[in-house]
Protein backbone atom coordinates (compact mmCIF):
# COMPACT_ATOMS: atom_id res chain seq x y z
CA MET A 1 80.99 89.27 95.36
CA SER A 2 79.85 90.94 92.14
CA GLU A 3 78.95 88.90 89.06
CA ALA A 4 81.97 90.31 87.21
CA SER A 5 84.40 89.46 90.01
CA SER A 6 82.86 86.01 90.36
CA GLU A 7 83.42 85.33 86.65
CA ALA A 8 87.03 86.58 86.93
CA SER A 9 87.59 84.24 89.88
CA ASP A 10 86.19 81.29 87.90
CA GLU A 11 88.46 82.09 84.95
CA ARG A 12 91.50 82.28 87.23
CA GLU A 13 90.60 79.01 88.98
CA ASP A 14 90.66 77.02 85.74
CA ALA A 15 93.53 78.90 84.07
CA GLY A 16 96.04 76.70 82.26
CA PRO A 17 96.15 72.91 81.81
CA TRP A 18 96.00 72.21 85.56
CA THR A 19 92.29 72.87 86.05
CA GLU A 20 90.51 72.61 89.38
CA ALA A 21 88.04 70.18 87.78
CA ASP A 22 90.86 67.80 86.82
CA LEU A 23 92.55 68.17 90.20
CA CYS A 24 89.36 67.31 92.09
CA ARG A 25 89.31 63.93 90.31
CA VAL A 26 92.58 63.12 92.10
CA ASP A 27 91.57 61.54 95.39
CA TRP A 28 94.77 62.67 97.16
CA TYR A 29 94.31 66.34 96.14
CA HIS A 30 93.09 68.30 99.18
CA GLY A 31 92.51 71.76 97.68
CA PHE A 32 93.30 74.71 99.94
CA ILE A 33 94.57 73.36 103.24
CA SER A 34 97.18 75.05 105.38
CA ARG A 35 100.74 73.92 105.93
CA HIS A 36 99.88 73.49 109.63
CA LEU A 37 96.95 71.18 108.95
CA THR A 38 98.93 69.22 106.36
CA GLU A 39 101.71 68.56 108.87
CA ALA A 40 99.18 67.40 111.44
CA LEU A 41 97.46 65.07 108.95
CA LEU A 42 100.75 63.43 107.95
CA ARG A 43 102.45 63.56 111.35
CA ASP A 44 101.49 60.00 112.34
CA ALA A 45 101.33 58.64 108.78
CA PRO A 46 103.83 56.01 107.55
CA GLU A 47 107.00 56.96 105.69
CA GLY A 48 106.25 57.72 102.06
CA SER A 49 102.80 59.17 102.71
CA PHE A 50 101.93 62.18 100.58
CA LEU A 51 99.20 64.55 99.44
CA LEU A 52 98.81 67.40 96.96
CA ARG A 53 97.50 70.77 98.09
CA ARG A 54 96.96 74.19 96.58
CA ARG A 55 98.90 76.99 98.24
CA GLN A 56 97.24 80.21 99.33
CA PRO A 57 98.70 83.09 97.27
CA ALA A 58 100.04 86.13 99.10
CA ASN A 59 98.40 88.46 96.54
CA ASP A 60 95.43 88.12 94.19
CA ASP A 61 97.62 88.44 91.09
CA ASP A 62 100.19 85.83 92.19
CA PRO A 63 100.37 82.68 90.03
CA ILE A 64 98.65 79.51 91.18
CA THR A 65 101.12 77.19 92.91
CA PHE A 66 100.86 73.83 94.65
CA ALA A 67 102.81 71.77 97.16
CA LEU A 68 103.48 68.04 97.20
CA SER A 69 103.63 67.39 100.95
CA LEU A 70 105.21 64.13 102.06
CA LYS A 71 106.38 62.22 105.13
CA SER A 72 110.08 61.36 105.22
CA THR A 73 112.65 60.69 107.97
CA GLY A 74 110.05 61.38 110.64
CA ALA A 75 109.17 64.85 109.33
CA VAL A 76 106.80 66.42 106.82
CA HIS A 77 108.40 68.10 103.80
CA HIS A 78 106.79 70.37 101.20
CA LEU A 79 107.98 70.30 97.58
CA LEU A 80 106.86 73.33 95.58
CA ILE A 81 105.10 72.96 92.24
CA VAL A 82 105.29 76.17 90.24
CA PRO A 83 104.22 77.25 86.72
CA ASN A 84 106.76 77.13 83.92
CA GLU A 85 107.06 78.96 80.60
CA GLN A 86 105.48 76.07 78.68
CA ASN A 87 102.11 76.54 80.44
CA GLY A 88 102.74 73.53 82.63
CA TYR A 89 104.16 73.05 86.13
CA ASP A 90 107.61 72.15 87.50
CA LEU A 91 108.11 70.01 90.59
CA SER A 92 111.04 70.82 92.86
CA GLY A 93 113.91 68.79 91.48
CA GLY A 94 113.37 69.61 87.83
CA GLN A 95 110.53 67.41 86.52
CA SER A 96 107.99 69.20 84.31
CA PHE A 97 104.35 68.24 83.80
CA GLN A 98 102.04 69.73 81.20
CA SER A 99 98.83 68.30 82.64
CA VAL A 100 97.36 66.87 85.82
CA GLY A 101 97.24 63.49 84.10
CA THR A 102 100.98 63.36 83.38
CA PHE A 103 101.70 64.37 86.98
CA THR A 104 99.42 61.71 88.51
CA ASP A 105 100.84 59.07 86.12
CA TYR A 106 104.31 59.94 87.43
CA ILE A 107 103.19 59.69 91.06
CA SER A 108 101.42 56.37 90.41
CA GLN A 109 104.82 54.84 89.58
CA GLN A 110 105.80 55.35 93.26
CA PRO A 111 108.88 57.39 92.37
CA LEU A 112 111.83 58.21 94.59
CA VAL A 113 111.94 61.96 95.25
CA SER A 114 114.56 64.05 97.01
CA THR A 115 113.53 66.00 100.09
CA ASP A 116 116.93 67.61 100.61
CA ALA A 117 119.36 68.15 97.76
CA ALA A 118 122.18 68.93 100.20
CA THR A 119 121.95 65.59 102.05
CA GLY A 120 120.68 63.45 99.19
CA VAL A 121 117.80 62.08 101.29
CA VAL A 122 115.13 60.46 99.10
CA VAL A 123 111.75 58.89 99.87
CA GLN A 124 109.51 56.63 97.81
CA LEU A 125 105.97 57.96 97.39
CA CYS A 126 103.88 54.89 98.16
CA HIS A 127 101.06 55.96 100.53
CA PRO A 128 98.64 58.57 99.12
CA HIS A 129 96.72 60.36 101.89
CA LEU A 130 93.17 60.45 100.53
CA ARG A 131 90.69 63.27 101.05
CA ASP A 132 88.17 60.95 102.69
CA GLN A 133 90.78 60.02 105.30
CA ASP A 134 90.69 63.57 106.66
CA GLN A 135 89.63 63.92 110.26
CA THR A 136 90.34 66.61 112.80
CA PRO A 137 93.88 65.56 113.81
CA HIS A 138 95.06 65.32 117.39
CA GLY A 139 96.14 68.71 118.70
CA TYR A 140 93.65 70.72 116.65
CA ARG A 141 90.31 72.28 117.46
CA HIS A 142 87.63 73.85 115.32
CA ILE A 143 87.04 77.61 115.46
CA GLU A 144 83.44 78.74 115.77
CA SER A 145 82.30 82.19 114.75
CA ILE A 146 78.95 83.85 115.37
CA THR A 147 77.32 86.01 112.75
CA ALA A 148 74.05 87.94 112.81
CA SER A 149 71.34 87.26 110.24
CA PRO A 150 68.04 89.09 109.62
CA ASN A 151 66.08 86.23 111.22
CA ALA A 152 68.28 84.83 113.94
CA GLN A 153 71.81 84.46 115.16
CA GLN A 154 73.64 81.68 113.38
CA ILE A 155 76.69 79.74 114.52
CA ILE A 156 79.01 78.88 111.66
CA GLU A 157 81.79 76.36 112.03
CA SER A 158 84.92 77.54 110.26
CA GLN A 159 87.07 75.22 108.20
CA ASN A 160 90.09 76.77 109.91
CA LEU A 161 91.79 74.71 112.57
CA ILE A 162 94.17 75.82 115.30
CA LEU A 163 97.41 73.94 115.73
CA ALA A 164 98.10 73.23 119.37
CA SER A 165 101.86 72.92 118.97
CA LYS A 166 104.65 73.54 116.45
CA GLU A 167 108.37 72.93 116.38
CA GLY A 168 111.34 73.48 114.10
CA PHE A 169 114.65 75.24 113.53
CA LEU A 170 114.92 79.04 113.82
CA GLN A 171 117.77 81.45 114.47
CA LYS A 172 117.65 83.51 117.66
CA GLU A 173 119.56 86.68 118.50
CA GLY A 174 121.40 86.54 121.83
CA ASN A 175 120.45 88.94 124.61
CA VAL A 176 124.03 90.06 125.34
CA ARG A 177 126.31 89.28 122.39
CA LYS A 178 123.59 89.89 119.74
CA ARG A 179 124.80 86.97 117.66
CA LEU A 180 122.40 84.77 115.73
CA ARG A 181 122.44 81.13 116.78
CA ARG A 182 120.45 78.23 115.38
CA ARG A 183 118.04 76.73 117.90
CA TRP A 184 115.29 74.11 117.94
CA PHE A 185 112.07 75.91 118.92
CA VAL A 186 108.98 74.27 120.41
CA LEU A 187 105.66 76.12 120.65
CA ASP A 188 103.39 74.49 123.22
CA GLY A 189 100.53 76.33 124.88
CA MET A 190 101.71 79.81 125.87
CA LEU A 191 105.41 78.92 125.95
CA LEU A 192 107.90 79.20 123.07
CA SER A 193 110.85 77.12 124.30
CA TYR A 194 114.22 76.74 122.60
CA TYR A 195 116.91 74.08 122.76
CA LYS A 196 120.41 73.38 121.47
CA PRO A 197 120.13 72.04 117.91
CA GLU A 198 121.55 68.55 118.31
CA LYS A 199 119.89 66.92 115.30
CA ARG A 200 116.62 68.25 116.63
CA ARG A 201 115.91 68.90 120.30
CA GLY A 202 119.03 69.09 122.46
CA PRO A 203 119.45 70.48 126.00
CA TYR A 204 116.85 73.04 127.10
CA LEU A 205 118.12 76.65 127.01
CA GLY A 206 115.16 78.89 127.80
CA CYS A 207 111.69 80.04 126.77
CA ILE A 208 109.53 83.03 125.90
CA ASP A 209 106.36 83.43 127.95
CA LEU A 210 103.82 84.48 125.31
CA THR A 211 101.49 85.92 127.95
CA THR A 212 104.03 88.74 128.38
CA VAL A 213 104.29 89.62 124.67
CA SER A 214 102.95 93.12 124.03
CA ALA A 215 103.55 93.19 120.24
CA MET A 216 104.75 91.01 117.40
CA ASN A 217 106.05 92.43 114.13
CA THR A 218 107.18 90.87 110.88
CA LEU A 219 110.65 92.03 109.88
CA GLU A 220 111.86 92.22 106.29
CA PHE A 221 115.56 91.54 105.73
CA ASP A 222 117.68 90.72 102.73
CA PRO A 223 116.63 87.15 101.78
CA SER A 224 120.16 85.90 102.45
CA SER A 225 119.81 87.05 106.07
CA GLY A 226 116.51 85.30 106.76
CA TYR A 227 112.92 86.30 107.48
CA GLY A 228 112.40 87.72 110.93
CA LEU A 229 109.86 88.11 113.70
CA GLU A 230 110.12 90.59 116.54
CA LEU A 231 108.50 89.76 119.89
CA LYS A 232 108.30 92.56 122.45
CA THR A 233 108.12 91.73 126.15
CA PRO A 234 108.63 93.98 129.22
CA LYS A 235 112.16 92.67 129.82
CA ARG A 236 113.54 92.44 126.27
CA VAL A 237 112.84 92.37 122.56
CA TRP A 238 113.29 88.95 120.98
CA TYR A 239 114.42 88.51 117.38
CA ILE A 240 113.95 85.14 115.64
CA LEU A 241 114.63 84.37 111.98
CA ALA A 242 113.18 81.71 109.68
CA GLU A 243 114.91 80.38 106.57
CA SER A 244 112.03 81.15 104.18
CA ARG A 245 109.11 83.53 103.88
CA GLU A 246 106.70 80.60 104.00
CA GLU A 247 108.22 79.34 107.26
CA GLN A 248 108.15 82.89 108.68
CA GLN A 249 104.43 83.11 107.91
CA SER A 250 103.83 79.65 109.36
CA TRP A 251 105.43 80.62 112.69
CA ARG A 252 103.71 84.01 112.66
CA ASP A 253 100.30 82.39 112.21
CA ALA A 254 100.95 79.89 115.00
CA LEU A 255 102.12 82.61 117.39
CA ALA A 256 99.32 85.01 116.41
CA MET A 257 96.75 82.51 117.66
CA ARG A 258 98.14 83.00 121.15
CA ILE A 259 98.81 86.76 121.09
CA ASN A 260 96.10 89.44 121.09
CA PRO A 261 95.31 89.96 117.39
CA THR A 262 94.91 93.71 117.93
CA LEU A 263 98.63 93.86 118.67
CA MET A 264 99.63 92.45 115.26
CA ARG A 265 100.77 94.51 112.33
């Protein structure tokens, strides 16, 4: 990285009242960690556990955003924290915070926050997940990469971790009637299985053998229609839709780990 680009990066990192220096003083701020890893860290945590993380921007010029990730009703939820016009940040639900200090003061009061406006489900934030609690969670493994150096070959352990399994709601297009139906999907090993959506996992309906996938493409639809993935196999082309772009990317990343990366586009 050039000196000029390094300086630009430093300026961007500390832009606004929410500086990285202030955030790093918060012992439940985890910096850049993925949604996958967050869900694994909080999966076995008690109800009301939470952490703050910085989200990876899609583009270099995108604004800095965060997520308050929390455990509620047996699942991990992610509340977006986005910049507002007053040079502060808004938490999903309407609260505004001009500084890291005002945000952490609010969290220290163990507030009740809503995870789903439609159902009115709320959870009390009472168990901060601290950075020094982090361990490689069950179901993950470290990735090792080898790089050449002028003196010798070095093995570098990446901070990236591979999630062994993933599950959640997606819509799937039928093979005959071509109608979209909501299903509970489970990714385990090289199988992407789907079930009737009775609360979560209902009766088993079928699966996609990922060893037969020859290509996977990201599909762009009108946001009201969902965010799609196309999986091509010898017998059929599968279409599955997520409810958000972030969830689409999350599933794409999990599937890409199992499909030849040269086939992705």
